[in-house]
Amino acid sequence: MSKKIYDVLPPKVAHKLKDAKKDLSDKDKEKKVKVRHLAVPEHKKIHPVKSARGGGSPLANQFNWVNTKKKVKGFPVKEILVGVLVIFFLFSIYLYNKLPRVEVQIWPKLENLTFQEKIMANKTVFNIDLFQKIIPANYVESLEEDSLIFEATGSSSNDSKASGSIVIYNKMNPGTPLTLIKGTHFLSDSGKYFVTLEKVIIPGAKGKTPGSITVKVQAKEVGEDYNIGPSNFSVPKLSGTVYYYNIWAESKDKMSNGYTGIVKKVTKDDISRSKDILTEKLLNKAENSLKNQISPDDILLEEAILREVISVSSDAKVDSITDKFNQLAKVKVSALVFKRSDLEKLTKDYILSKISDSKNFLEESLDINYDSELVDMEKGTETLNLQISVKTYDKIDIKELVDLSSRKSEEDIKDVAERMYGDKIAGMKVNFWPFWVNKAPANKDRIKIDLNFD
């Protein structure tokens, strides 16, 4: 008998399915109600936005429902502890690799050496020559010229007549010479009489050019009134004759040395003293000017300075009657200089040529004393005596010591230095840092070796 196929479920099966769906629906509603009644803090609640009709917004209600589904999380203590431990671990690795260092101080054994040598500074050379022991020199000079007024210190109590020179003219026609006896009087246009001191023959005129002759004359009387300036003179004794207007005289310079009583006069010591004072002043001025021309690197020795007086003159002679006189002088100061840097360079090269290649010298200990033995300003040369003293030591290969000190203890580092240099080292000190480190780091940049000469 074949089975029947129903278009619909049998009544009992249908009722069972309907009851099952209803149970499921009731359970879902119960879950939703439980979720909506979870306790939510007031500040975390999402309040519905009321609509214009006073009802809640559907979207706001939906957000409120979603927020109630979030769970409240606790403080992440575990994660923070893990992060701190990681940082501490990394920092420890950094300190282990970067912090440790070692400083090694080595005192090389020093030896004192002294040398004596002669060298030459020469203005004709321009480079240092160690073989011939020559350094360049420079020639410098300074000129000064000036004058000063000085007081005459001499005095005279004798009366004196003024004296000077006049030019006598003769324009007699026809031109014939005219003779004047010694003591002929000439009268100045200021009324002062002067007389000739010797016989005078005045040449005759040549055409319209009168003859002339220069002669010495002296005042007829003593006194300062006869110290007259340039003047015209006539011959009073020729008055009333044809010669009076054809014979006359002129003075071009002042008459001098006319005085009475005590007057000032220039002495020989006045001339000498004024010369010394003025030239010394100018020489000092020229020397200071010369020293200002040279640089701080230039060396100027006193023996290489030449002081010269080029010219000196006075407007007064010994026994001149005057209160003051003027002294004029011109001087020159010249010198040879050489550079300190050239001297030191030649000295250092000289020392290196005298010591072995395995040695070096301590530049701070270099002491150079020098003096000038001979200066030839004309040739521009200066011979110097050198006394040299310096401290030398055996060379120490710092780089090799650094390479051999890596990862070694203090004792091992000292053993390495002892094997390499032995008694060439006077002392050694090893310092590790920080305090817990007892071996040199592998990083050679953290190993420092210094030579100490204190």
Protein backbone atom coordinates (compact mmCIF):
# COMPACT_ATOMS: atom_id res chain seq x y z
CA MET A 1 0.00 0.00 0.00
CA SER A 2 1.59 3.25 -1.13
CA LYS A 3 2.21 6.23 1.22
CA LYS A 4 0.12 9.35 0.90
CA ILE A 5 1.67 12.73 0.13
CA TYR A 6 0.02 15.66 1.90
CA ASP A 7 0.08 19.24 0.71
CA VAL A 8 -0.15 20.36 4.27
CA LEU A 9 1.26 18.98 7.49
CA PRO A 10 -0.83 16.71 9.56
CA PRO A 11 -2.64 18.50 12.41
CA LYS A 12 -0.42 17.14 15.19
CA VAL A 13 2.86 18.04 13.44
CA ALA A 14 1.59 21.49 12.58
CA HIS A 15 0.66 22.17 16.18
CA LYS A 16 4.12 21.06 17.35
CA LEU A 17 5.94 23.41 14.92
CA LYS A 18 3.74 26.31 15.92
CA ASP A 19 4.48 25.72 19.60
CA ALA A 20 8.20 25.49 18.93
CA LYS A 21 8.26 28.84 17.08
CA LYS A 22 6.34 30.49 19.87
CA ASP A 23 8.82 29.22 22.47
CA LEU A 24 11.73 30.57 20.46
CA SER A 25 10.03 33.93 20.00
CA ASP A 26 9.37 34.22 23.75
CA LYS A 27 13.00 33.45 24.58
CA ASP A 28 14.25 36.11 22.17
CA LYS A 29 11.98 38.70 23.73
CA GLU A 30 13.16 37.72 27.19
CA LYS A 31 16.85 38.16 26.15
CA LYS A 32 16.17 41.58 24.66
CA VAL A 33 14.39 42.70 27.80
CA LYS A 34 17.33 41.52 29.94
CA VAL A 35 19.84 43.40 27.79
CA ARG A 36 17.82 46.60 27.97
CA HIS A 37 17.70 46.45 31.75
CA LEU A 38 21.50 46.24 32.31
CA ALA A 39 22.73 48.85 34.81
CA VAL A 40 24.50 51.67 32.92
CA PRO A 41 26.20 54.62 34.73
CA GLU A 42 24.32 57.86 34.37
CA HIS A 43 27.22 59.68 32.60
CA LYS A 44 27.43 56.87 29.97
CA LYS A 45 23.74 56.74 29.12
CA ILE A 46 22.62 57.98 25.74
CA HIS A 47 19.39 59.86 26.23
CA PRO A 48 16.92 59.89 23.36
CA VAL A 49 16.40 63.11 21.54
CA LYS A 50 12.79 64.12 21.68
CA SER A 51 11.06 64.91 18.44
CA ALA A 52 8.85 67.86 17.86
CA ARG A 53 5.88 65.71 18.93
CA GLY A 54 7.56 64.88 22.26
CA GLY A 55 8.56 61.32 21.35
CA GLY A 56 12.12 59.90 21.24
CA SER A 57 14.12 59.80 18.04
CA PRO A 58 14.35 56.28 16.61
CA LEU A 59 18.05 56.82 15.78
CA ALA A 60 18.75 58.04 19.32
CA ASN A 61 16.92 55.06 20.75
CA GLN A 62 19.04 52.79 18.60
CA PHE A 63 22.31 54.37 19.89
CA ASN A 64 21.04 54.03 23.42
CA TRP A 65 20.44 50.35 22.91
CA VAL A 66 23.89 49.80 21.30
CA ASN A 67 25.73 51.63 24.14
CA THR A 68 24.15 49.31 26.68
CA LYS A 69 25.81 46.39 24.90
CA LYS A 70 29.44 47.72 25.56
CA LYS A 71 31.38 46.08 28.37
CA VAL A 72 33.34 48.20 30.93
CA LYS A 73 37.11 47.37 30.69
CA GLY A 74 39.53 47.35 33.70
CA PHE A 75 42.99 49.23 34.07
CA PRO A 76 45.70 47.53 31.75
CA VAL A 77 48.24 46.78 34.50
CA LYS A 78 49.62 43.71 32.81
CA GLU A 79 50.36 45.48 29.51
CA ILE A 80 52.15 48.37 31.30
CA LEU A 81 54.36 46.01 33.29
CA VAL A 82 55.36 44.18 30.14
CA GLY A 83 56.27 47.50 28.43
CA VAL A 84 58.39 48.63 31.41
CA LEU A 85 60.26 45.33 31.43
CA VAL A 86 61.00 45.61 27.70
CA ILE A 87 62.29 49.18 28.08
CA PHE A 88 64.46 48.23 31.05
CA PHE A 89 65.89 45.29 29.11
CA LEU A 90 66.76 47.46 26.08
CA PHE A 91 68.26 50.18 28.30
CA SER A 92 70.41 47.59 30.05
CA ILE A 93 71.73 46.38 26.69
CA TYR A 94 72.54 50.01 25.72
CA LEU A 95 74.42 50.61 28.98
CA TYR A 96 76.32 47.36 28.61
CA ASN A 97 77.50 48.29 25.10
CA LYS A 98 77.92 52.07 25.37
CA LEU A 99 78.69 52.97 28.98
CA PRO A 100 81.91 51.05 29.82
CA ARG A 101 85.15 52.77 28.93
CA VAL A 102 88.79 52.68 29.95
CA GLU A 103 91.32 55.51 30.20
CA VAL A 104 95.03 54.68 30.16
CA GLN A 105 97.69 57.24 31.07
CA ILE A 106 101.30 56.58 30.14
CA TRP A 107 104.30 58.54 31.37
CA PRO A 108 107.15 58.10 28.84
CA LYS A 109 110.69 58.27 30.21
CA LEU A 110 112.25 61.66 29.30
CA GLU A 111 115.87 62.47 28.43
CA ASN A 112 117.38 65.98 28.50
CA LEU A 113 119.44 67.04 25.47
CA THR A 114 121.38 70.28 24.83
CA PHE A 115 122.87 71.68 21.62
CA GLN A 116 125.01 74.68 20.65
CA GLU A 117 124.99 75.97 17.10
CA LYS A 118 125.63 79.05 14.95
CA ILE A 119 123.09 80.15 12.35
CA MET A 120 122.76 83.16 10.08
CA ALA A 121 119.88 85.49 9.28
CA ASN A 122 120.26 86.81 5.73
CA LYS A 123 118.08 89.34 3.91
CA THR A 124 119.00 87.87 0.50
CA VAL A 125 117.36 84.48 1.17
CA PHE A 126 113.64 83.75 1.35
CA ASN A 127 113.44 80.17 2.66
CA ILE A 128 114.83 78.22 5.62
CA ASP A 129 117.96 76.25 4.73
CA LEU A 130 118.71 73.57 7.35
CA PHE A 131 121.83 72.35 5.55
CA GLN A 132 123.48 75.81 5.54
CA LYS A 133 121.73 76.86 8.77
CA ILE A 134 120.25 80.05 7.30
CA ILE A 135 116.93 81.77 7.95
CA PRO A 136 115.47 84.79 6.09
CA ALA A 137 115.98 88.31 7.46
CA ASN A 138 114.28 91.62 6.69
CA TYR A 139 115.75 95.13 6.51
CA VAL A 140 113.68 97.96 7.98
CA GLU A 141 114.43 101.66 8.46
CA SER A 142 112.86 104.87 9.73
CA LEU A 143 113.75 108.54 9.01
CA GLU A 144 113.05 111.52 11.28
CA GLU A 145 113.75 115.25 10.82
CA ASP A 146 112.93 118.18 13.13
CA SER A 147 114.22 121.38 14.74
CA LEU A 148 114.20 122.88 18.25
CA ILE A 149 114.76 126.31 19.77
CA PHE A 150 117.44 126.44 22.49
CA GLU A 151 118.43 129.13 25.00
CA ALA A 152 121.94 130.60 24.83
CA THR A 153 123.69 130.19 28.19
CA GLY A 154 126.83 132.27 27.60
CA SER A 155 127.17 135.95 28.52
CA SER A 156 129.53 138.88 27.83
CA SER A 157 130.16 142.11 29.80
CA ASN A 158 132.26 143.93 27.11
CA ASP A 159 130.77 146.52 24.82
CA SER A 160 130.68 145.58 21.19
CA LYS A 161 130.09 147.33 17.89
CA ALA A 162 127.68 145.96 15.34
CA SER A 163 129.18 144.78 12.08
CA GLY A 164 128.16 143.41 8.73
CA SER A 165 128.62 143.71 4.96
CA ILE A 166 127.61 146.37 2.44
CA VAL A 167 127.79 146.58 -1.39
CA ILE A 168 129.33 149.86 -2.67
CA TYR A 169 128.24 151.05 -6.16
CA ASN A 170 130.09 153.38 -8.60
CA LYS A 171 128.18 154.83 -11.59
CA MET A 172 130.63 157.65 -12.51
CA ASN A 173 130.65 158.43 -16.24
CA PRO A 174 133.05 157.90 -17.85
CA GLY A 175 133.56 154.72 -15.87
CA THR A 176 136.72 155.05 -13.85
CA PRO A 177 137.65 153.18 -10.64
CA LEU A 178 137.39 155.10 -7.37
CA THR A 179 139.51 154.47 -4.26
CA LEU A 180 138.20 154.91 -0.70
CA ILE A 181 140.58 154.97 2.23
CA LYS A 182 140.26 152.73 5.30
CA GLY A 183 137.79 154.21 7.80
CA THR A 184 135.56 155.86 5.18
CA HIS A 185 132.21 156.71 6.83
CA PHE A 186 128.90 155.47 5.43
CA LEU A 187 125.62 156.87 6.80
CA SER A 188 122.52 154.64 6.84
CA ASP A 189 119.07 155.97 5.99
CA SER A 190 118.23 155.43 9.70
CA GLY A 191 121.07 157.83 10.73
CA LYS A 192 123.66 155.27 11.89
CA TYR A 193 127.36 155.63 10.91
CA PHE A 194 129.44 152.68 9.76
CA VAL A 195 133.10 152.74 8.62
CA THR A 196 135.13 150.56 6.27
CA LEU A 197 137.75 148.34 7.86
CA GLU A 198 140.18 148.44 4.90
CA LYS A 199 141.07 150.34 1.76
CA VAL A 200 138.48 149.92 -1.00
CA ILE A 201 138.82 150.28 -4.80
CA ILE A 202 135.41 150.50 -6.48
CA PRO A 203 135.40 149.29 -10.12
CA GLY A 204 134.16 151.72 -12.78
CA ALA A 205 130.78 151.45 -14.46
CA LYS A 206 130.32 149.51 -17.67
CA GLY A 207 127.81 151.34 -19.74
CA LYS A 208 124.72 151.81 -17.67
CA THR A 209 125.77 149.08 -15.19
CA PRO A 210 127.52 150.58 -12.18
CA GLY A 211 130.66 148.97 -10.77
CA SER A 212 130.29 147.32 -7.33
CA ILE A 213 132.23 145.70 -4.53
CA THR A 214 131.27 144.03 -1.23
CA VAL A 215 133.16 145.15 1.88
CA LYS A 216 133.05 144.68 5.65
CA VAL A 217 131.91 147.63 7.80
CA GLN A 218 131.62 148.26 11.53
CA ALA A 219 129.40 150.60 13.53
CA LYS A 220 131.04 153.84 14.65
CA GLU A 221 129.73 153.32 18.19
CA VAL A 222 128.80 150.41 20.48
CA GLY A 223 125.29 149.35 21.36
CA GLU A 224 122.30 147.35 20.21
CA ASP A 225 120.89 150.34 18.30
CA TYR A 226 123.34 149.61 15.50
CA ASN A 227 121.95 146.11 14.90
CA ILE A 228 119.93 147.52 12.01
CA GLY A 229 118.26 145.62 9.22
CA PRO A 230 118.94 145.92 5.44
CA SER A 231 119.52 149.63 4.64
CA ASN A 232 120.77 152.19 2.06
CA PHE A 233 123.98 154.16 2.74
CA SER A 234 125.57 157.39 1.47
CA VAL A 235 129.13 158.81 1.82
CA PRO A 236 128.76 162.09 3.80
CA LYS A 237 132.31 163.34 2.99
CA LEU A 238 131.48 163.38 -0.71
CA SER A 239 128.64 165.84 -0.16
CA GLY A 240 128.89 168.88 -2.46
CA THR A 241 130.86 167.01 -5.12
CA VAL A 242 129.87 165.18 -8.28
CA TYR A 243 130.74 161.88 -6.52
CA TYR A 244 128.02 162.23 -3.86
CA TYR A 245 125.17 161.10 -6.15
CA ASN A 246 127.25 158.54 -8.03
CA ILE A 247 128.73 156.67 -5.06
CA TRP A 248 126.35 154.84 -2.61
CA ALA A 249 125.96 151.52 -0.77
CA GLU A 250 123.32 148.92 0.29
CA SER A 251 123.22 146.17 2.96
CA LYS A 252 121.26 143.01 2.25
CA ASP A 253 121.54 141.40 5.70
CA LYS A 254 121.06 142.58 9.26
CA MET A 255 123.98 144.13 11.17
CA SER A 256 124.76 142.10 14.34
CA ASN A 257 126.75 141.82 17.57
CA GLY A 258 126.20 145.39 18.66
CA TYR A 259 125.62 145.51 22.42
CA THR A 260 126.48 147.22 25.67
CA GLY A 261 126.76 145.73 29.15
CA ILE A 262 125.95 142.05 29.83
CA VAL A 263 124.35 140.18 26.93
CA LYS A 264 123.58 136.52 26.02
CA LYS A 265 125.85 134.71 23.63
CA VAL A 266 126.05 131.20 22.18
CA THR A 267 128.82 129.05 23.59
CA LYS A 268 130.52 125.98 22.19
CA ASP A 269 128.78 123.87 24.84
CA ASP A 270 125.41 125.33 23.79
CA ILE A 271 125.96 124.10 20.21
CA SER A 272 127.15 120.65 21.36
CA ARG A 273 124.38 120.24 23.95
CA SER A 274 121.61 121.28 21.55
CA LYS A 275 122.94 118.85 18.94
CA ASP A 276 123.00 115.94 21.39
CA ILE A 277 119.53 116.67 22.78
CA LEU A 278 117.87 117.03 19.39
CA THR A 279 119.56 114.04 17.71
CA GLU A 280 118.86 111.76 20.69
CA LYS A 281 115.20 112.78 20.66
CA LEU A 282 114.93 112.12 16.92
CA LEU A 283 116.82 108.80 17.13
CA ASN A 284 114.49 107.53 19.87
CA LYS A 285 111.48 108.64 17.85
CA ALA A 286 112.80 106.91 14.73
CA GLU A 287 113.56 103.70 16.68
CA ASN A 288 110.06 103.60 18.16
CA SER A 289 108.61 104.16 14.70
CA LEU A 290 110.74 101.31 13.34
CA LYS A 291 109.60 98.94 16.09
CA ASN A 292 105.98 99.77 15.28
CA GLN A 293 106.59 98.60 11.70
CA ILE A 294 107.52 95.04 12.67
CA SER A 295 105.07 92.24 13.55
CA PRO A 296 104.84 90.36 16.87
CA ASP A 297 106.55 87.42 15.16
CA ASP A 298 109.64 89.51 14.30
CA ILE A 299 112.71 89.45 16.56
CA LEU A 300 114.82 92.61 16.77
CA LEU A 301 118.10 92.47 18.71
CA GLU A 302 119.80 95.63 19.95
CA GLU A 303 123.02 94.67 18.19
CA ALA A 304 121.17 94.69 14.86
CA ILE A 305 120.02 98.33 15.20
CA LEU A 306 122.04 101.06 13.45
CA ARG A 307 121.47 104.69 14.56
CA GLU A 308 122.80 107.40 12.20
CA VAL A 309 122.80 111.22 12.24
CA ILE A 310 122.47 112.27 8.63
CA SER A 311 122.78 116.04 9.12
CA VAL A 312 122.79 118.64 11.89
CA SER A 313 123.04 122.44 11.72
CA SER A 314 122.44 125.62 13.74
CA ASP A 315 121.49 129.17 12.76
CA ALA A 316 124.01 130.51 15.28
CA LYS A 317 127.78 130.19 15.64
CA VAL A 318 129.91 130.07 18.72
CA ASP A 319 130.05 133.53 20.47
CA SER A 320 127.04 134.77 18.52
CA ILE A 321 125.21 137.44 20.59
CA THR A 322 121.64 136.16 20.85
CA ASP A 323 119.20 134.95 23.47
CA LYS A 324 117.96 131.91 21.49
CA PHE A 325 119.04 129.87 18.51
CA ASN A 326 117.54 127.12 16.32
CA GLN A 327 119.04 123.64 15.88
CA LEU A 328 118.03 121.38 12.94
CA ALA A 329 118.80 117.66 12.55
CA LYS A 330 117.94 114.64 10.38
CA VAL A 331 118.50 111.02 11.52
CA LYS A 332 117.96 107.44 10.32
CA VAL A 333 117.51 104.19 12.26
CA SER A 334 117.85 100.89 10.37
CA ALA A 335 117.76 97.28 11.57
CA LEU A 336 117.78 93.61 10.60
CA VAL A 337 114.94 91.46 11.93
CA PHE A 338 114.12 87.76 11.63
CA LYS A 339 110.96 85.79 12.42
CA ARG A 340 110.55 83.76 15.58
CA SER A 341 108.59 81.12 13.63
CA ASP A 342 111.53 80.65 11.22
CA LEU A 343 113.98 80.30 14.11
CA GLU A 344 111.76 77.73 15.86
CA LYS A 345 111.18 75.78 12.61
CA LEU A 346 114.91 75.58 11.90
CA THR A 347 115.59 74.56 15.53
CA LYS A 348 112.96 71.78 15.47
CA ASP A 349 114.26 70.43 12.17
CA TYR A 350 117.77 70.58 13.57
CA ILE A 351 116.74 68.54 16.67
CA LEU A 352 114.99 65.90 14.55
CA SER A 353 118.15 65.58 12.46
CA LYS A 354 120.15 64.90 15.62
CA ILE A 355 117.92 62.22 17.22
CA SER A 356 116.99 58.73 15.97
CA ASP A 357 113.77 58.00 14.07
CA SER A 358 112.43 56.01 17.02
CA LYS A 359 112.48 59.11 19.24
CA ASN A 360 110.48 62.30 19.45
CA PHE A 361 110.89 65.52 21.42
CA LEU A 362 108.54 67.36 23.73
CA GLU A 363 107.80 70.72 22.09
CA GLU A 364 106.68 72.27 25.38
CA SER A 365 110.17 71.65 26.79
CA LEU A 366 111.98 73.36 23.91
CA ASP A 367 114.09 76.28 25.16
CA ILE A 368 116.01 78.48 22.70
CA ASN A 369 118.49 81.14 23.84
CA TYR A 370 120.22 83.30 21.27
CA ASP A 371 122.47 86.33 20.99
CA SER A 372 123.92 88.31 18.13
CA GLU A 373 127.58 87.69 17.37
CA LEU A 374 128.12 89.75 14.23
CA VAL A 375 125.94 92.16 12.23
CA ASP A 376 126.79 93.44 8.75
CA MET A 377 124.17 96.02 7.77
CA GLU A 378 125.74 96.54 4.36
CA LYS A 379 125.46 92.84 3.47
CA GLY A 380 122.24 92.40 5.43
CA THR A 381 123.48 89.49 7.56
CA GLU A 382 123.42 88.68 11.26
CA THR A 383 125.23 85.73 12.86
CA LEU A 384 123.45 84.19 15.88
CA ASN A 385 124.70 81.92 18.65
CA LEU A 386 122.05 79.35 19.68
CA GLN A 387 121.85 77.43 22.95
CA ILE A 388 119.13 74.74 22.68
CA SER A 389 117.73 72.47 25.37
CA VAL A 390 114.90 69.93 24.91
CA LYS A 391 113.43 66.72 26.39
CA THR A 392 113.18 63.62 24.18
CA TYR A 393 111.29 60.32 24.57
CA ASP A 394 110.77 57.07 22.66
CA LYS A 395 107.80 57.02 20.31
CA ILE A 396 104.76 55.02 21.52
CA ASP A 397 102.25 53.60 19.04
CA ILE A 398 98.92 54.59 20.60
CA LYS A 399 96.80 52.87 17.91
CA GLU A 400 98.55 49.54 18.37
CA LEU A 401 98.15 49.71 22.15
CA VAL A 402 94.41 50.41 21.73
CA ASP A 403 94.04 47.38 19.46
CA LEU A 404 95.87 45.13 21.93
CA SER A 405 93.97 46.43 24.98
CA SER A 406 90.49 45.41 23.79
CA ARG A 407 88.67 43.07 26.31
CA LYS A 408 91.72 43.00 28.61
CA SER A 409 91.96 43.63 32.34
CA GLU A 410 94.16 46.23 33.98
CA GLU A 411 96.95 43.76 34.60
CA ASP A 412 96.81 42.45 31.04
CA ILE A 413 96.96 46.01 29.60
CA LYS A 414 100.03 46.80 31.70
CA ASP A 415 101.67 43.54 30.65
CA VAL A 416 101.14 44.43 26.97
CA ALA A 417 102.73 47.87 27.43
CA GLU A 418 105.60 46.36 29.43
CA ARG A 419 106.38 43.78 26.70
CA MET A 420 106.28 46.44 23.95
CA TYR A 421 108.21 49.29 25.59
CA GLY A 422 109.81 48.02 28.80
CA ASP A 423 111.94 50.68 30.54
CA LYS A 424 110.94 53.31 27.97
CA ILE A 425 107.87 53.95 30.14
CA ALA A 426 108.31 55.68 33.50
CA GLY A 427 104.75 55.05 34.75
CA MET A 428 101.28 53.86 33.78
CA LYS A 429 97.74 54.15 35.19
CA VAL A 430 94.53 52.36 34.06
CA ASN A 431 91.04 53.63 35.00
CA PHE A 432 87.80 51.74 34.21
CA TRP A 433 84.35 53.30 34.24
CA PRO A 434 81.74 52.68 35.63
CA PHE A 435 83.07 51.20 38.87
CA TRP A 436 81.82 47.69 38.17
CA VAL A 437 83.72 47.40 34.89
CA ASN A 438 87.01 45.46 35.14
CA LYS A 439 87.85 44.88 31.50
CA ALA A 440 88.33 47.13 28.49
CA PRO A 441 85.29 47.17 26.18
CA ALA A 442 85.29 45.50 22.80
CA ASN A 443 84.47 48.84 21.19
CA LYS A 444 87.90 50.37 20.59
CA ASP A 445 86.40 53.85 20.39
CA ARG A 446 85.76 53.50 24.14
CA ILE A 447 89.46 52.91 24.86
CA LYS A 448 91.45 56.11 25.37
CA ILE A 449 95.25 56.16 25.78
CA ASP A 450 97.05 59.45 26.54
CA LEU A 451 100.74 60.28 26.91
CA ASN A 452 101.33 62.27 30.09
CA PHE A 453 104.41 64.49 30.56
CA ASP A 454 103.51 66.19 33.86
